[in-house]
PDB file of N, CA and C in Angstrom:
ATOM      1  N   MET A   1      39.371  -6.692 -36.507  1.00  0.00           N
ATOM      2  CA  MET A   1      39.493  -7.892 -37.216  1.00  0.00           C
ATOM      3  C   MET A   1      38.264  -7.940 -38.177  1.00  0.00           C
ATOM      4  N   LYS A   2      38.425  -8.535 -39.310  1.00  0.00           N
ATOM      5  CA  LYS A   2      37.365  -8.682 -40.330  1.00  0.00           C
ATOM      6  C   LYS A   2      36.665 -10.006 -40.110  1.00  0.00           C
ATOM      7  N   LEU A   3      35.329  -9.966 -40.164  1.00  0.00           N
ATOM      8  CA  LEU A   3      34.509 -11.216 -40.108  1.00  0.00           C
ATOM      9  C   LEU A   3      33.716 -11.297 -41.371  1.00  0.00           C
ATOM     10  N   ARG A   4      33.955 -12.263 -42.203  1.00  0.00           N
ATOM     11  CA  ARG A   4      33.243 -12.450 -43.444  1.00  0.00           C
ATOM     12  C   ARG A   4      32.045 -13.350 -43.187  1.00  0.00           C
ATOM     13  N   VAL A   5      30.877 -12.916 -43.608  1.00  0.00           N
ATOM     14  CA  VAL A   5      29.647 -13.611 -43.336  1.00  0.00           C
ATOM     15  C   VAL A   5      28.826 -13.816 -44.637  1.00  0.00           C
ATOM     16  N   ARG A   6      28.222 -14.975 -44.735  1.00  0.00           N
ATOM     17  CA  ARG A   6      27.243 -15.207 -45.831  1.00  0.00           C
ATOM     18  C   ARG A   6      25.915 -15.312 -45.180  1.00  0.00           C
ATOM     19  N   ALA A   7      25.065 -14.335 -45.423  1.00  0.00           N
ATOM     20  CA  ALA A   7      23.778 -14.242 -44.752  1.00  0.00           C
ATOM     21  C   ALA A   7      22.611 -14.774 -45.629  1.00  0.00           C
ATOM     22  N   THR A   8      21.696 -15.564 -45.048  1.00  0.00           N
ATOM     23  CA  THR A   8      20.496 -15.981 -45.701  1.00  0.00           C
ATOM     24  C   THR A   8      19.308 -15.467 -44.909  1.00  0.00           C
ATOM     25  N   PRO A   9      18.616 -14.483 -45.528  1.00  0.00           N
ATOM     26  CA  PRO A   9      17.488 -13.895 -44.856  1.00  0.00           C
ATOM     27  C   PRO A   9      16.219 -14.740 -44.960  1.00  0.00           C
ATOM     28  N   ASN A  10      15.159 -14.328 -44.270  1.00  0.00           N
ATOM     29  CA  ASN A  10      13.834 -15.040 -44.261  1.00  0.00           C
ATOM     30  C   ASN A  10      13.887 -16.452 -43.738  1.00  0.00           C
ATOM     31  N   ALA A  11      14.806 -16.744 -42.825  1.00  0.00           N
ATOM     32  CA  ALA A  11      14.854 -18.065 -42.167  1.00  0.00           C
ATOM     33  C   ALA A  11      13.751 -18.157 -41.130  1.00  0.00           C
ATOM     34  N   ARG A  12      13.454 -19.404 -40.747  1.00  0.00           N
ATOM     35  CA  ARG A  12      12.486 -19.588 -39.636  1.00  0.00           C
ATOM     36  C   ARG A  12      13.003 -19.010 -38.374  1.00  0.00           C
ATOM     37  N   GLN A  13      14.306 -19.200 -38.101  1.00  0.00           N
ATOM     38  CA  GLN A  13      14.884 -18.613 -36.918  1.00  0.00           C
ATOM     39  C   GLN A  13      16.325 -18.211 -37.229  1.00  0.00           C
ATOM     40  N   SER A  14      16.848 -17.284 -36.499  1.00  0.00           N
ATOM     41  CA  SER A  14      18.225 -16.850 -36.679  1.00  0.00           C
ATOM     42  C   SER A  14      19.161 -17.931 -36.043  1.00  0.00           C
ATOM     43  N   GLU A  15      20.180 -18.322 -36.820  1.00  0.00           N
ATOM     44  CA  GLU A  15      21.159 -19.331 -36.309  1.00  0.00           C
ATOM     45  C   GLU A  15      22.418 -19.228 -37.109  1.00  0.00           C
ATOM     46  N   ILE A  16      23.498 -19.671 -36.399  1.00  0.00           N
ATOM     47  CA  ILE A  16      24.764 -19.795 -37.088  1.00  0.00           C
ATOM     48  C   ILE A  16      24.882 -21.209 -37.642  1.00  0.00           C
ATOM     49  N   ILE A  17      25.125 -21.317 -38.918  1.00  0.00           N
ATOM     50  CA  ILE A  17      25.277 -22.667 -39.533  1.00  0.00           C
ATOM     51  C   ILE A  17      26.664 -23.197 -39.334  1.00  0.00           C
ATOM     52  N   GLY A  18      27.670 -22.378 -39.496  1.00  0.00           N
ATOM     53  CA  GLY A  18      29.055 -22.825 -39.314  1.00  0.00           C
ATOM     54  C   GLY A  18      29.990 -22.173 -40.340  1.00  0.00           C
ATOM     55  N   TRP A  19      31.246 -22.633 -40.326  1.00  0.00           N
ATOM     56  CA  TRP A  19      32.237 -22.095 -41.199  1.00  0.00           C
ATOM     57  C   TRP A  19      32.240 -22.845 -42.490  1.00  0.00           C
ATOM     58  N   GLU A  20      32.524 -22.128 -43.546  1.00  0.00           N
ATOM     59  CA  GLU A  20      32.600 -22.721 -44.911  1.00  0.00           C
ATOM     60  C   GLU A  20      33.817 -22.140 -45.601  1.00  0.00           C
ATOM     61  N   ASP A  21      34.499 -22.954 -46.377  1.00  0.00           N
ATOM     62  CA  ASP A  21      35.634 -22.507 -47.146  1.00  0.00           C
ATOM     63  C   ASP A  21      35.107 -22.066 -48.531  1.00  0.00           C
ATOM     64  N   ASP A  22      35.128 -20.768 -48.760  1.00  0.00           N
ATOM     65  CA  ASP A  22      34.677 -20.217 -50.058  1.00  0.00           C
ATOM     66  C   ASP A  22      35.916 -19.886 -50.904  1.00  0.00           C
ATOM     67  N   PRO A  23      35.904 -20.324 -52.165  1.00  0.00           N
ATOM     68  CA  PRO A  23      37.097 -20.122 -52.963  1.00  0.00           C
ATOM     69  C   PRO A  23      37.439 -18.672 -53.197  1.00  0.00           C
ATOM     70  N   GLN A  24      36.459 -17.758 -53.164  1.00  0.00           N
ATOM     71  CA  GLN A  24      36.732 -16.362 -53.407  1.00  0.00           C
ATOM     72  C   GLN A  24      36.930 -15.575 -52.118  1.00  0.00           C
ATOM     73  N   ALA A  25      36.219 -15.909 -51.042  1.00  0.00           N
ATOM     74  CA  ALA A  25      36.261 -15.124 -49.837  1.00  0.00           C
ATOM     75  C   ALA A  25      36.978 -15.855 -48.670  1.00  0.00           C
ATOM     76  N   ARG A  26      37.689 -16.921 -48.954  1.00  0.00           N
ATOM     77  CA  ARG A  26      38.393 -17.698 -47.939  1.00  0.00           C
ATOM     78  C   ARG A  26      37.379 -18.265 -46.957  1.00  0.00           C
ATOM     79  N   MET A  27      37.660 -18.255 -45.660  1.00  0.00           N
ATOM     80  CA  MET A  27      36.750 -18.807 -44.645  1.00  0.00           C
ATOM     81  C   MET A  27      35.633 -17.821 -44.402  1.00  0.00           C
ATOM     82  N   ILE A  28      34.437 -18.303 -44.410  1.00  0.00           N
ATOM     83  CA  ILE A  28      33.253 -17.428 -44.280  1.00  0.00           C
ATOM     84  C   ILE A  28      32.266 -18.084 -43.312  1.00  0.00           C
ATOM     85  N   LEU A  29      31.640 -17.297 -42.497  1.00  0.00           N
ATOM     86  CA  LEU A  29      30.652 -17.767 -41.507  1.00  0.00           C
ATOM     87  C   LEU A  29      29.269 -17.717 -42.149  1.00  0.00           C
ATOM     88  N   ARG A  30      28.578 -18.849 -42.155  1.00  0.00           N
ATOM     89  CA  ARG A  30      27.220 -18.914 -42.728  1.00  0.00           C
ATOM     90  C   ARG A  30      26.243 -18.693 -41.601  1.00  0.00           C
ATOM     91  N   VAL A  31      25.283 -17.705 -41.818  1.00  0.00           N
ATOM     92  CA  VAL A  31      24.321 -17.353 -40.827  1.00  0.00           C
ATOM     93  C   VAL A  31      22.941 -17.256 -41.491  1.00  0.00           C
ATOM     94  N   ARG A  32      21.936 -17.805 -40.869  1.00  0.00           N
ATOM     95  CA  ARG A  32      20.584 -17.627 -41.246  1.00  0.00           C
ATOM     96  C   ARG A  32      19.926 -16.574 -40.337  1.00  0.00           C
ATOM     97  N   ILE A  33      19.148 -15.649 -40.962  1.00  0.00           N
ATOM     98  CA  ILE A  33      18.538 -14.567 -40.234  1.00  0.00           C
ATOM     99  C   ILE A  33      17.056 -14.569 -40.503  1.00  0.00           C
ATOM    100  N   ALA A  34      16.247 -14.444 -39.459  1.00  0.00           N
ATOM    101  CA  ALA A  34      14.807 -14.523 -39.556  1.00  0.00           C
ATOM    102  C   ALA A  34      14.188 -13.272 -40.186  1.00  0.00           C
ATOM    103  N   ALA A  35      14.902 -12.149 -40.200  1.00  0.00           N
ATOM    104  CA  ALA A  35      14.362 -10.912 -40.771  1.00  0.00           C
ATOM    105  C   ALA A  35      14.336 -10.894 -42.279  1.00  0.00           C
ATOM    106  N   ALA A  36      13.447 -10.186 -42.848  1.00  0.00           N
ATOM    107  CA  ALA A  36      13.342  -9.997 -44.319  1.00  0.00           C
ATOM    108  C   ALA A  36      14.337  -8.918 -44.786  1.00  0.00           C
ATOM    109  N   PRO A  37      14.888  -9.062 -46.008  1.00  0.00           N
ATOM    110  CA  PRO A  37      15.840  -8.086 -46.503  1.00  0.00           C
ATOM    111  C   PRO A  37      15.064  -6.850 -47.036  1.00  0.00           C
ATOM    112  N   VAL A  38      14.334  -6.131 -46.178  1.00  0.00           N
ATOM    113  CA  VAL A  38      13.576  -4.938 -46.592  1.00  0.00           C
ATOM    114  C   VAL A  38      14.037  -3.751 -45.732  1.00  0.00           C
ATOM    115  N   ASP A  39      14.419  -2.700 -46.385  1.00  0.00           N
ATOM    116  CA  ASP A  39      14.843  -1.449 -45.745  1.00  0.00           C
ATOM    117  C   ASP A  39      15.964  -1.706 -44.687  1.00  0.00           C
ATOM    118  N   GLY A  40      16.844  -2.586 -44.953  1.00  0.00           N
ATOM    119  CA  GLY A  40      17.964  -2.792 -44.053  1.00  0.00           C
ATOM    120  C   GLY A  40      17.640  -3.569 -42.803  1.00  0.00           C
ATOM    121  N   GLU A  41      16.470  -4.119 -42.696  1.00  0.00           N
ATOM    122  CA  GLU A  41      16.094  -4.864 -41.471  1.00  0.00           C
ATOM    123  C   GLU A  41      16.938  -6.114 -41.282  1.00  0.00           C
ATOM    124  N   ALA A  42      17.225  -6.829 -42.340  1.00  0.00           N
ATOM    125  CA  ALA A  42      18.031  -8.041 -42.198  1.00  0.00           C
ATOM    126  C   ALA A  42      19.451  -7.700 -41.737  1.00  0.00           C
ATOM    127  N   ASN A  43      20.016  -6.587 -42.243  1.00  0.00           N
ATOM    128  CA  ASN A  43      21.370  -6.187 -41.852  1.00  0.00           C
ATOM    129  C   ASN A  43      21.387  -5.814 -40.339  1.00  0.00           C
ATOM    130  N   LYS A  44      20.405  -5.121 -39.895  1.00  0.00           N
ATOM    131  CA  LYS A  44      20.299  -4.780 -38.479  1.00  0.00           C
ATOM    132  C   LYS A  44      20.172  -6.016 -37.617  1.00  0.00           C
ATOM    133  N   ALA A  45      19.296  -6.905 -38.053  1.00  0.00           N
ATOM    134  CA  ALA A  45      19.072  -8.159 -37.307  1.00  0.00           C
ATOM    135  C   ALA A  45      20.351  -8.989 -37.287  1.00  0.00           C
ATOM    136  N   LEU A  46      21.051  -9.020 -38.390  1.00  0.00           N
ATOM    137  CA  LEU A  46      22.303  -9.786 -38.466  1.00  0.00           C
ATOM    138  C   LEU A  46      23.321  -9.202 -37.500  1.00  0.00           C
ATOM    139  N   ARG A  47      23.489  -7.887 -37.531  1.00  0.00           N
ATOM    140  CA  ARG A  47      24.446  -7.274 -36.655  1.00  0.00           C
ATOM    141  C   ARG A  47      24.101  -7.568 -35.175  1.00  0.00           C
ATOM    142  N   ASP A  48      22.826  -7.376 -34.861  1.00  0.00           N
ATOM    143  CA  ASP A  48      22.394  -7.630 -33.448  1.00  0.00           C
ATOM    144  C   ASP A  48      22.596  -9.094 -33.105  1.00  0.00           C
ATOM    145  N   PHE A  49      22.297 -10.003 -33.976  1.00  0.00           N
ATOM    146  CA  PHE A  49      22.497 -11.435 -33.705  1.00  0.00           C
ATOM    147  C   PHE A  49      23.966 -11.766 -33.547  1.00  0.00           C
ATOM    148  N   LEU A  50      24.811 -11.202 -34.409  1.00  0.00           N
ATOM    149  CA  LEU A  50      26.260 -11.498 -34.270  1.00  0.00           C
ATOM    150  C   LEU A  50      26.846 -10.926 -32.928  1.00  0.00           C
ATOM    151  N   ALA A  51      26.376  -9.712 -32.655  1.00  0.00           N
ATOM    152  CA  ALA A  51      26.821  -9.085 -31.377  1.00  0.00           C
ATOM    153  C   ALA A  51      26.460 -10.000 -30.175  1.00  0.00           C
ATOM    154  N   LYS A  52      25.205 -10.428 -30.159  1.00  0.00           N
ATOM    155  CA  LYS A  52      24.769 -11.279 -29.019  1.00  0.00           C
ATOM    156  C   LYS A  52      25.510 -12.627 -29.005  1.00  0.00           C
ATOM    157  N   SER A  53      25.714 -13.213 -30.199  1.00  0.00           N
ATOM    158  CA  SER A  53      26.407 -14.497 -30.263  1.00  0.00           C
ATOM    159  C   SER A  53      27.828 -14.419 -29.837  1.00  0.00           C
ATOM    160  N   LEU A  54      28.489 -13.262 -30.136  1.00  0.00           N
ATOM    161  CA  LEU A  54      29.904 -13.106 -29.863  1.00  0.00           C
ATOM    162  C   LEU A  54      30.132 -12.429 -28.478  1.00  0.00           C
ATOM    163  N   GLY A  55      29.046 -12.067 -27.784  1.00  0.00           N
ATOM    164  CA  GLY A  55      29.207 -11.449 -26.502  1.00  0.00           C
ATOM    165  C   GLY A  55      29.699 -10.036 -26.562  1.00  0.00           C
ATOM    166  N   LEU A  56      29.327  -9.303 -27.619  1.00  0.00           N
ATOM    167  CA  LEU A  56      29.798  -7.904 -27.851  1.00  0.00           C
ATOM    168  C   LEU A  56      28.573  -6.982 -27.814  1.00  0.00           C
ATOM    169  N   SER A  57      28.892  -5.702 -27.578  1.00  0.00           N
ATOM    170  CA  SER A  57      27.827  -4.737 -27.737  1.00  0.00           C
ATOM    171  C   SER A  57      27.580  -4.458 -29.203  1.00  0.00           C
ATOM    172  N   LYS A  58      26.338  -4.010 -29.589  1.00  0.00           N
ATOM    173  CA  LYS A  58      25.996  -3.789 -30.948  1.00  0.00           C
ATOM    174  C   LYS A  58      26.954  -2.787 -31.614  1.00  0.00           C
ATOM    175  N   SER A  59      27.414  -1.782 -30.874  1.00  0.00           N
ATOM    176  CA  SER A  59      28.261  -0.756 -31.456  1.00  0.00           C
ATOM    177  C   SER A  59      29.637  -1.314 -31.835  1.00  0.00           C
ATOM    178  N   LYS A  60      30.030  -2.486 -31.332  1.00  0.00           N
ATOM    179  CA  LYS A  60      31.357  -3.076 -31.619  1.00  0.00           C
ATOM    180  C   LYS A  60      31.305  -3.885 -32.903  1.00  0.00           C
ATOM    181  N   VAL A  61      30.097  -4.150 -33.441  1.00  0.00           N
ATOM    182  CA  VAL A  61      29.989  -4.933 -34.674  1.00  0.00           C
ATOM    183  C   VAL A  61      29.498  -3.999 -35.771  1.00  0.00           C
ATOM    184  N   VAL A  62      30.406  -3.713 -36.737  1.00  0.00           N
ATOM    185  CA  VAL A  62      30.161  -2.673 -37.755  1.00  0.00           C
ATOM    186  C   VAL A  62      30.171  -3.318 -39.149  1.00  0.00           C
ATOM    187  N   LEU A  63      29.117  -3.135 -39.868  1.00  0.00           N
ATOM    188  CA  LEU A  63      29.040  -3.617 -41.270  1.00  0.00           C
ATOM    189  C   LEU A  63      29.873  -2.674 -42.133  1.00  0.00           C
ATOM    190  N   GLU A  64      30.951  -3.235 -42.718  1.00  0.00           N
ATOM    191  CA  GLU A  64      31.860  -2.427 -43.540  1.00  0.00           C
ATOM    192  C   GLU A  64      31.507  -2.496 -44.996  1.00  0.00           C
ATOM    193  N   LYS A  65      31.094  -3.675 -45.425  1.00  0.00           N
ATOM    194  CA  LYS A  65      30.858  -3.933 -46.873  1.00  0.00           C
ATOM    195  C   LYS A  65      29.796  -4.959 -47.101  1.00  0.00           C
ATOM    196  N   GLY A  66      28.981  -4.786 -48.144  1.00  0.00           N
ATOM    197  CA  GLY A  66      28.022  -5.779 -48.502  1.00  0.00           C
ATOM    198  C   GLY A  66      26.593  -5.506 -47.983  1.00  0.00           C
ATOM    199  N   SER A  67      26.211  -4.279 -47.839  1.00  0.00           N
ATOM    200  CA  SER A  67      24.893  -3.978 -47.332  1.00  0.00           C
ATOM    201  C   SER A  67      23.735  -4.486 -48.171  1.00  0.00           C
ATOM    202  N   SER A  68      24.002  -4.695 -49.464  1.00  0.00           N
ATOM    203  CA  SER A  68      22.924  -5.192 -50.399  1.00  0.00           C
ATOM    204  C   SER A  68      23.339  -6.526 -50.960  1.00  0.00           C
ATOM    205  N   SER A  69      24.267  -7.210 -50.376  1.00  0.00           N
ATOM    206  CA  SER A  69      24.755  -8.514 -50.836  1.00  0.00           C
ATOM    207  C   SER A  69      24.568  -9.580 -49.754  1.00  0.00           C
ATOM    208  N   ARG A  70      24.605 -10.837 -50.166  1.00  0.00           N
ATOM    209  CA  ARG A  70      24.522 -11.918 -49.190  1.00  0.00           C
ATOM    210  C   ARG A  70      25.866 -12.020 -48.492  1.00  0.00           C
ATOM    211  N   PHE A  71      26.953 -11.649 -49.184  1.00  0.00           N
ATOM    212  CA  PHE A  71      28.312 -11.710 -48.624  1.00  0.00           C
ATOM    213  C   PHE A  71      28.611 -10.360 -47.976  1.00  0.00           C
ATOM    214  N   LYS A  72      28.936 -10.397 -46.700  1.00  0.00           N
ATOM    215  CA  LYS A  72      29.158  -9.176 -45.903  1.00  0.00           C
ATOM    216  C   LYS A  72      30.462  -9.218 -45.166  1.00  0.00           C
ATOM    217  N   ILE A  73      31.025  -8.114 -44.931  1.00  0.00           N
ATOM    218  CA  ILE A  73      32.249  -8.009 -44.090  1.00  0.00           C
ATOM    219  C   ILE A  73      31.933  -7.106 -42.916  1.00  0.00           C
ATOM    220  N   PHE A  74      32.140  -7.651 -41.719  1.00  0.00           N
ATOM    221  CA  PHE A  74      31.928  -6.896 -40.476  1.00  0.00           C
ATOM    222  C   PHE A  74      33.257  -6.645 -39.810  1.00  0.00           C
ATOM    223  N   GLU A  75      33.371  -5.534 -39.175  1.00  0.00           N
ATOM    224  CA  GLU A  75      34.548  -5.198 -38.360  1.00  0.00           C
ATOM    225  C   GLU A  75      34.172  -5.468 -36.933  1.00  0.00           C
ATOM    226  N   ILE A  76      35.025  -6.335 -36.305  1.00  0.00           N
ATOM    227  CA  ILE A  76      34.763  -6.675 -34.892  1.00  0.00           C
ATOM    228  C   ILE A  76      36.092  -6.472 -34.180  1.00  0.00           C
ATOM    229  N   PRO A  77      36.043  -6.258 -32.890  1.00  0.00           N
ATOM    230  CA  PRO A  77      37.320  -6.047 -32.098  1.00  0.00           C
ATOM    231  C   PRO A  77      38.325  -7.229 -32.252  1.00  0.00           C
ATOM    232  N   ASP A  78      39.626  -6.871 -32.332  1.00  0.00           N
ATOM    233  CA  ASP A  78      40.623  -7.911 -32.343  1.00  0.00           C
ATOM    234  C   ASP A  78      40.547  -8.770 -31.120  1.00  0.00           C
ATOM    235  N   GLY A  79      40.809 -10.021 -31.242  1.00  0.00           N
ATOM    236  CA  GLY A  79      40.807 -10.970 -30.120  1.00  0.00           C
ATOM    237  C   GLY A  79      39.469 -11.545 -29.790  1.00  0.00           C
ATOM    238  N   THR A  80      38.408 -11.209 -30.535  1.00  0.00           N
ATOM    239  CA  THR A  80      37.076 -11.757 -30.289  1.00  0.00           C
ATOM    240  C   THR A  80      37.142 -13.242 -30.556  1.00  0.00           C
ATOM    241  N   ALA A  81      36.600 -14.075 -29.668  1.00  0.00           N
ATOM    242  CA  ALA A  81      36.549 -15.489 -29.865  1.00  0.00           C
ATOM    243  C   ALA A  81      35.508 -15.874 -30.909  1.00  0.00           C
ATOM    244  N   LEU A  82      35.878 -16.593 -31.921  1.00  0.00           N
ATOM    245  CA  LEU A  82      34.967 -16.960 -33.006  1.00  0.00           C
ATOM    246  C   LEU A  82      34.707 -18.458 -33.013  1.00  0.00           C
ATOM    247  N   THR A  83      34.267 -19.008 -31.915  1.00  0.00           N
ATOM    248  CA  THR A  83      34.024 -20.457 -31.875  1.00  0.00           C
ATOM    249  C   THR A  83      32.575 -20.802 -31.947  1.00  0.00           C
TER     250      THR A  83
END
């Protein structure tokens, strides 16, 4: 299943803001990440944070698209609860 995320790096703490209806990307999950966007650190921190929040192992959360963009698409296992 595809998970669309809008990431905001350099936050005070990592947190999920909630769902947002984006006209171009449909429903998108807004997430703040404490890591800086340097050398892929924010992407790694985002993957780790999503895995922990969704109760998945890190290897089950794969960044498919958007490594240098705020808008990212992750592949996660089908049936994962997104509440």
